[in-house]
Amino acid sequence: MLLGVSGQPGTITEDVVATMAANEGRPVIMPLSNPTDRAEATPANLMTWSKGRAIVATGSPFAPVTYAGVTREFSQSNNVYVFPGLGLGAVAVGTSAITDSMLQTASSSVSDGQSVLSVDQGVLPHLSRWRRSAPASPVRSAAAPAMRA
């Protein structure tokens, strides 16, 4: 697995991806920096360099990429899935602080609420489908520890 968190475009290179792809059938590569122009690599390059085999999640939104006739979407894998529900849950219960427990519970609820996706559909659902896939689970999960406190 390769995580990009430097905010330096181009730091995930073709040589690195080709080496990963030569040693791993489905290399996992996550250029997580945002905004989009700060990502360490683009999904289009990662698909080309890995011959379409990379499992990719990003920190910023990117358009779908078609490689070898297959179109893939790339999910954002960052706080965009947790923070809105976490904030709403905190407001709903009137807490003045977000605890580590609340953050962990909200984060876990994101993965717990997901159906199994093909890696070609994205690591998490595309944001356009997020509300339909896990309605309010981060809100409930974030609020639960606050209500017990």
C-alpha atoms as a PDB file:
ATOM      1  CA  MET A   1       0.000   0.000   0.000  1.00  0.00           C
ATOM      2  CA  LEU A   2       1.215   3.459  -0.853  1.00  0.00           C
ATOM      3  CA  LEU A   3      -0.242   6.536   0.838  1.00  0.00           C
ATOM      4  CA  GLY A   4       0.405   9.982  -0.540  1.00  0.00           C
ATOM      5  CA  VAL A   5       0.066  12.685   2.101  1.00  0.00           C
ATOM      6  CA  SER A   6       2.784  15.159   1.105  1.00  0.00           C
ATOM      7  CA  GLY A   7       0.709  17.619  -0.910  1.00  0.00           C
ATOM      8  CA  GLN A   8       3.468  17.500  -3.529  1.00  0.00           C
ATOM      9  CA  PRO A   9       2.152  16.707  -7.025  1.00  0.00           C
ATOM     10  CA  GLY A  10       4.144  14.096  -8.921  1.00  0.00           C
ATOM     11  CA  THR A  11       5.709  12.374  -5.917  1.00  0.00           C
ATOM     12  CA  ILE A  12       4.033   9.076  -6.785  1.00  0.00           C
ATOM     13  CA  THR A  13       5.869   8.285 -10.004  1.00  0.00           C
ATOM     14  CA  GLU A  14       5.502   5.871 -12.883  1.00  0.00           C
ATOM     15  CA  ASP A  15       8.596   3.951 -11.749  1.00  0.00           C
ATOM     16  CA  VAL A  16       7.184   3.456  -8.251  1.00  0.00           C
ATOM     17  CA  VAL A  17       3.782   2.339  -9.539  1.00  0.00           C
ATOM     18  CA  ALA A  18       5.310   0.013 -12.142  1.00  0.00           C
ATOM     19  CA  THR A  19       7.457  -1.606  -9.444  1.00  0.00           C
ATOM     20  CA  MET A  20       4.434  -2.047  -7.176  1.00  0.00           C
ATOM     21  CA  ALA A  21       2.394  -3.513 -10.046  1.00  0.00           C
ATOM     22  CA  ALA A  22       5.216  -5.931 -10.914  1.00  0.00           C
ATOM     23  CA  ASN A  23       5.169  -7.279  -7.350  1.00  0.00           C
ATOM     24  CA  GLU A  24       1.476  -7.088  -6.448  1.00  0.00           C
ATOM     25  CA  GLY A  25      -1.534  -8.091  -8.528  1.00  0.00           C
ATOM     26  CA  ARG A  26      -3.709  -5.214  -7.254  1.00  0.00           C
ATOM     27  CA  PRO A  27      -1.508  -2.521  -5.696  1.00  0.00           C
ATOM     28  CA  VAL A  28      -3.360  -0.159  -3.369  1.00  0.00           C
ATOM     29  CA  ILE A  29      -2.420   3.456  -4.006  1.00  0.00           C
ATOM     30  CA  MET A  30      -4.028   6.372  -2.215  1.00  0.00           C
ATOM     31  CA  PRO A  31      -2.951   9.898  -3.201  1.00  0.00           C
ATOM     32  CA  LEU A  32      -4.783  11.589  -0.345  1.00  0.00           C
ATOM     33  CA  SER A  33      -3.631  15.209  -0.496  1.00  0.00           C
ATOM     34  CA  ASN A  34      -6.057  17.912  -1.442  1.00  0.00           C
ATOM     35  CA  PRO A  35      -7.053  20.031  -3.168  1.00  0.00           C
ATOM     36  CA  THR A  36      -6.967  18.074  -6.417  1.00  0.00           C
ATOM     37  CA  ASP A  37      -4.000  19.965  -7.848  1.00  0.00           C
ATOM     38  CA  ARG A  38      -1.917  18.917  -4.808  1.00  0.00           C
ATOM     39  CA  ALA A  39      -2.514  15.162  -5.231  1.00  0.00           C
ATOM     40  CA  GLU A  40       0.650  13.094  -5.511  1.00  0.00           C
ATOM     41  CA  ALA A  41      -0.666  11.381  -8.673  1.00  0.00           C
ATOM     42  CA  THR A  42      -3.858  11.315 -10.693  1.00  0.00           C
ATOM     43  CA  PRO A  43      -6.101   8.274 -11.021  1.00  0.00           C
ATOM     44  CA  ALA A  44      -5.655   8.425 -14.806  1.00  0.00           C
ATOM     45  CA  ASN A  45      -1.884   8.081 -14.441  1.00  0.00           C
ATOM     46  CA  LEU A  46      -2.198   5.368 -11.809  1.00  0.00           C
ATOM     47  CA  MET A  47      -4.483   3.342 -14.064  1.00  0.00           C
ATOM     48  CA  THR A  48      -2.104   3.706 -17.006  1.00  0.00           C
ATOM     49  CA  TRP A  49       1.037   2.968 -15.016  1.00  0.00           C
ATOM     50  CA  SER A  50      -0.484  -0.115 -13.316  1.00  0.00           C
ATOM     51  CA  LYS A  51      -2.136  -1.346 -16.520  1.00  0.00           C
ATOM     52  CA  GLY A  52      -5.532  -0.838 -14.898  1.00  0.00           C
ATOM     53  CA  ARG A  53      -4.844  -3.009 -11.848  1.00  0.00           C
ATOM     54  CA  ALA A  54      -4.369  -0.412  -9.087  1.00  0.00           C
ATOM     55  CA  ILE A  55      -6.972  -0.019  -6.361  1.00  0.00           C
ATOM     56  CA  VAL A  56      -7.159   3.759  -5.993  1.00  0.00           C
ATOM     57  CA  ALA A  57      -8.775   6.079  -3.465  1.00  0.00           C
ATOM     58  CA  THR A  58      -8.093   9.787  -3.349  1.00  0.00           C
ATOM     59  CA  GLY A  59      -8.338  12.699  -0.962  1.00  0.00           C
ATOM     60  CA  SER A  60      -9.977  14.928  -3.569  1.00  0.00           C
ATOM     61  CA  PRO A  61     -12.682  14.387  -6.155  1.00  0.00           C
ATOM     62  CA  PHE A  62     -11.539  13.096  -9.548  1.00  0.00           C
ATOM     63  CA  ALA A  63     -13.509  12.270 -12.663  1.00  0.00           C
ATOM     64  CA  PRO A  64     -14.000   8.623 -13.652  1.00  0.00           C
ATOM     65  CA  VAL A  65     -11.256   7.082 -15.798  1.00  0.00           C
ATOM     66  CA  THR A  66     -11.702   4.633 -18.655  1.00  0.00           C
ATOM     67  CA  TYR A  67      -8.827   2.208 -19.156  1.00  0.00           C
ATOM     68  CA  ALA A  68      -8.968  -0.735 -21.582  1.00  0.00           C
ATOM     69  CA  GLY A  69     -12.697  -0.179 -22.061  1.00  0.00           C
ATOM     70  CA  VAL A  70     -13.522  -0.268 -18.328  1.00  0.00           C
ATOM     71  CA  THR A  71     -14.669   2.912 -16.585  1.00  0.00           C
ATOM     72  CA  ARG A  72     -13.725   3.240 -12.922  1.00  0.00           C
ATOM     73  CA  GLU A  73     -14.857   5.731 -10.305  1.00  0.00           C
ATOM     74  CA  PHE A  74     -12.565   6.835  -7.513  1.00  0.00           C
ATOM     75  CA  SER A  75     -13.937   7.527  -4.077  1.00  0.00           C
ATOM     76  CA  GLN A  76     -12.614  10.143  -1.739  1.00  0.00           C
ATOM     77  CA  SER A  77     -11.262   8.378   1.313  1.00  0.00           C
ATOM     78  CA  ASN A  78     -11.025  11.143   3.815  1.00  0.00           C
ATOM     79  CA  ASN A  79     -12.987  13.085   6.407  1.00  0.00           C
ATOM     80  CA  VAL A  80     -15.710  14.088   3.930  1.00  0.00           C
ATOM     81  CA  TYR A  81     -17.629  10.942   4.934  1.00  0.00           C
ATOM     82  CA  VAL A  82     -17.367  11.461   8.698  1.00  0.00           C
ATOM     83  CA  PHE A  83     -17.276  15.151   9.566  1.00  0.00           C
ATOM     84  CA  PRO A  84     -20.761  16.248   8.404  1.00  0.00           C
ATOM     85  CA  GLY A  85     -22.486  13.519  10.435  1.00  0.00           C
ATOM     86  CA  LEU A  86     -20.117  13.939  13.351  1.00  0.00           C
ATOM     87  CA  GLY A  87     -20.876  17.655  13.504  1.00  0.00           C
ATOM     88  CA  LEU A  88     -24.619  17.116  13.242  1.00  0.00           C
ATOM     89  CA  GLY A  89     -24.482  14.440  15.946  1.00  0.00           C
ATOM     90  CA  ALA A  90     -22.568  16.775  18.250  1.00  0.00           C
ATOM     91  CA  VAL A  91     -25.083  19.576  17.691  1.00  0.00           C
ATOM     92  CA  ALA A  92     -28.004  17.178  18.190  1.00  0.00           C
ATOM     93  CA  VAL A  93     -26.814  16.157  21.654  1.00  0.00           C
ATOM     94  CA  GLY A  94     -25.379  19.549  22.611  1.00  0.00           C
ATOM     95  CA  THR A  95     -21.838  18.415  23.335  1.00  0.00           C
ATOM     96  CA  SER A  96     -19.101  21.033  23.488  1.00  0.00           C
ATOM     97  CA  ALA A  97     -16.255  18.685  22.517  1.00  0.00           C
ATOM     98  CA  ILE A  98     -15.597  15.921  20.021  1.00  0.00           C
ATOM     99  CA  THR A  99     -13.931  13.040  21.837  1.00  0.00           C
ATOM    100  CA  ASP A 100     -11.648  10.391  20.387  1.00  0.00           C
ATOM    101  CA  SER A 101     -14.392   7.863  21.090  1.00  0.00           C
ATOM    102  CA  MET A 102     -16.941   9.867  19.101  1.00  0.00           C
ATOM    103  CA  LEU A 103     -14.552  10.179  16.161  1.00  0.00           C
ATOM    104  CA  GLN A 104     -13.679   6.463  16.227  1.00  0.00           C
ATOM    105  CA  THR A 105     -17.323   5.446  16.461  1.00  0.00           C
ATOM    106  CA  ALA A 106     -18.352   7.721  13.606  1.00  0.00           C
ATOM    107  CA  SER A 107     -15.470   6.499  11.452  1.00  0.00           C
ATOM    108  CA  SER A 108     -16.285   2.873  12.160  1.00  0.00           C
ATOM    109  CA  SER A 109     -19.916   3.425  11.259  1.00  0.00           C
ATOM    110  CA  VAL A 110     -18.882   4.517   7.777  1.00  0.00           C
ATOM    111  CA  SER A 111     -17.271   1.161   7.052  1.00  0.00           C
ATOM    112  CA  ASP A 112     -19.872  -0.836   9.005  1.00  0.00           C
ATOM    113  CA  GLY A 113     -22.698   0.678   6.989  1.00  0.00           C
ATOM    114  CA  GLN A 114     -21.256  -0.190   3.594  1.00  0.00           C
ATOM    115  CA  SER A 115     -22.181  -3.076   1.411  1.00  0.00           C
ATOM    116  CA  VAL A 116     -19.343  -4.957  -0.176  1.00  0.00           C
ATOM    117  CA  LEU A 117     -18.253  -3.096  -3.286  1.00  0.00           C
ATOM    118  CA  SER A 118     -16.116  -4.269  -6.122  1.00  0.00           C
ATOM    119  CA  VAL A 119     -12.807  -2.436  -5.873  1.00  0.00           C
ATOM    120  CA  ASP A 120     -13.544  -1.241  -9.389  1.00  0.00           C
ATOM    121  CA  GLN A 121     -16.532   0.679  -7.956  1.00  0.00           C
ATOM    122  CA  GLY A 122     -14.384   2.571  -5.468  1.00  0.00           C
ATOM    123  CA  VAL A 123     -13.130   1.947  -1.954  1.00  0.00           C
ATOM    124  CA  LEU A 124     -16.194   3.767  -0.593  1.00  0.00           C
ATOM    125  CA  PRO A 125     -19.342   4.778  -2.463  1.00  0.00           C
ATOM    126  CA  HIS A 126     -19.019   7.871  -4.623  1.00  0.00           C
ATOM    127  CA  LEU A 127     -20.267  10.940  -2.734  1.00  0.00           C
ATOM    128  CA  SER A 128     -23.227  11.195  -5.107  1.00  0.00           C
ATOM    129  CA  ARG A 129     -24.473   7.879  -3.644  1.00  0.00           C
ATOM    130  CA  TRP A 130     -23.370   8.413  -0.053  1.00  0.00           C
ATOM    131  CA  ARG A 131     -26.713   9.500   1.412  1.00  0.00           C
ATOM    132  CA  ARG A 132     -28.479   6.498  -0.102  1.00  0.00           C
ATOM    133  CA  SER A 133     -25.828   4.025   1.044  1.00  0.00           C
ATOM    134  CA  ALA A 134     -25.553   4.849   4.748  1.00  0.00           C
ATOM    135  CA  PRO A 135     -28.184   7.344   5.848  1.00  0.00           C
ATOM    136  CA  ALA A 136     -27.414   9.042   9.152  1.00  0.00           C
ATOM    137  CA  SER A 137     -25.195   6.275  10.557  1.00  0.00           C
ATOM    138  CA  PRO A 138     -22.304   8.656  11.352  1.00  0.00           C
ATOM    139  CA  VAL A 139     -24.779  10.976  13.063  1.00  0.00           C
ATOM    140  CA  ARG A 140     -26.190   8.207  15.247  1.00  0.00           C
ATOM    141  CA  SER A 141     -22.751   6.792  15.976  1.00  0.00           C
ATOM    142  CA  ALA A 142     -21.226  10.158  16.803  1.00  0.00           C
ATOM    143  CA  ALA A 143     -24.105  11.051  19.070  1.00  0.00           C
ATOM    144  CA  ALA A 144     -24.143   7.748  20.976  1.00  0.00           C
ATOM    145  CA  PRO A 145     -20.898   8.285  22.963  1.00  0.00           C
ATOM    146  CA  ALA A 146     -21.890  11.881  23.730  1.00  0.00           C
ATOM    147  CA  MET A 147     -25.238  10.743  25.112  1.00  0.00           C
ATOM    148  CA  ARG A 148     -23.490   8.197  27.345  1.00  0.00           C
ATOM    149  CA  ALA A 149     -21.012  10.799  28.646  1.00  0.00           C
END
